[in-house]
Amino acid sequence: MTLADLHPGDAATVTGYAADVPERVLELGLLPGTAVTLVRRAPLGDPLELRVRGFHLSLRLAEARLVEVTPDA
C-alpha cells in the first residue's frame, strides 16, 4: 500500500519506498517509521495534503505512489 491509496482521515506509518524516491520527499520528513495522516485530496485528486511530524505538507500523487505505508489499526 502507498500514500496514494489512503483515504482522508486514514493514518499510516511509512515503511519504505517502491522505487527511487526523489530526495525532496526525504527532505520533507517522509522517512521509514514516520507516522502520517491523509488530511484531504485536492478536488481533482492531486495533490494530497498530509499531516507529518506536526505540520501539513502537500505531495504530488506521483510522488505519493512511491512511498509505501502500513495502515494504523
Protein backbone atom coordinates (compact mmCIF):
# COMPACT_ATOMS: atom_id res chain seq x y z
CA MET A 1 0.00 0.00 0.00
CA THR A 2 1.19 3.52 -0.76
CA LEU A 3 0.28 7.02 0.40
CA ALA A 4 -1.81 7.37 -2.76
CA ASP A 5 -4.09 4.53 -1.54
CA LEU A 6 -5.09 6.27 1.71
CA HIS A 7 -8.47 7.94 2.22
CA PRO A 8 -8.95 11.24 4.09
CA GLY A 9 -8.60 10.63 7.83
CA ASP A 10 -6.53 7.44 7.39
CA ALA A 11 -3.36 7.17 9.47
CA ALA A 12 -0.37 5.09 8.46
CA THR A 13 3.35 4.59 9.05
CA VAL A 14 5.96 4.94 6.30
CA THR A 15 7.69 1.58 5.75
CA GLY A 16 9.81 2.17 2.66
CA TYR A 17 9.79 3.17 -0.98
CA ALA A 18 8.54 1.48 -4.15
CA ALA A 19 11.34 2.90 -6.31
CA ASP A 20 13.97 5.60 -6.34
CA VAL A 21 12.18 8.35 -4.48
CA PRO A 22 13.11 11.99 -5.16
CA GLU A 23 15.38 13.47 -2.49
CA ARG A 24 12.71 16.15 -1.91
CA VAL A 25 10.40 13.52 -0.39
CA LEU A 26 13.08 12.51 2.12
CA GLU A 27 13.82 16.15 2.96
CA LEU A 28 10.12 16.69 3.75
CA GLY A 29 10.43 14.11 6.54
CA LEU A 30 8.81 11.05 4.95
CA LEU A 31 11.34 8.63 6.38
CA PRO A 32 10.66 4.99 7.39
CA GLY A 33 8.91 4.85 10.76
CA THR A 34 7.24 8.26 10.35
CA ALA A 35 3.53 8.50 11.18
CA VAL A 36 1.39 10.23 8.52
CA THR A 37 -2.31 11.10 8.21
CA LEU A 38 -4.05 11.96 4.96
CA VAL A 39 -5.93 15.19 5.65
CA ARG A 40 -7.54 15.66 2.23
CA ARG A 41 -7.14 15.45 -1.50
CA ALA A 42 -7.42 18.38 -3.89
CA PRO A 43 -10.71 18.48 -5.86
CA LEU A 44 -9.17 16.63 -8.81
CA GLY A 45 -7.26 14.22 -6.53
CA ASP A 46 -3.83 15.79 -6.89
CA PRO A 47 -2.03 16.93 -4.73
CA LEU A 48 -2.58 15.26 -1.36
CA GLU A 49 -2.45 17.14 1.95
CA LEU A 50 -0.68 15.14 4.66
CA ARG A 51 -0.04 15.73 8.35
CA VAL A 52 3.55 14.70 9.10
CA ARG A 53 5.58 15.43 12.23
CA GLY A 54 3.15 18.12 13.40
CA PHE A 55 2.91 20.06 10.14
CA HIS A 56 0.93 19.86 6.91
CA LEU A 57 2.52 19.26 3.54
CA SER A 58 1.29 18.81 0.00
CA LEU A 59 2.63 15.95 -2.05
CA ARG A 60 2.04 15.18 -5.70
CA LEU A 61 0.14 11.98 -6.42
CA ALA A 62 3.05 10.63 -8.49
CA GLU A 63 5.39 11.03 -5.50
CA ALA A 64 2.81 9.60 -3.08
CA ARG A 65 2.70 6.42 -5.17
CA LEU A 66 6.40 5.85 -4.38
CA VAL A 67 6.03 5.95 -0.57
CA GLU A 68 4.98 2.60 0.92
CA VAL A 69 2.97 2.63 4.15
CA THR A 70 1.30 0.29 6.62
CA PRO A 71 -2.12 1.46 7.82
CA ASP A 72 -2.54 2.03 11.55
CA ALA A 73 -5.15 -0.16 13.21
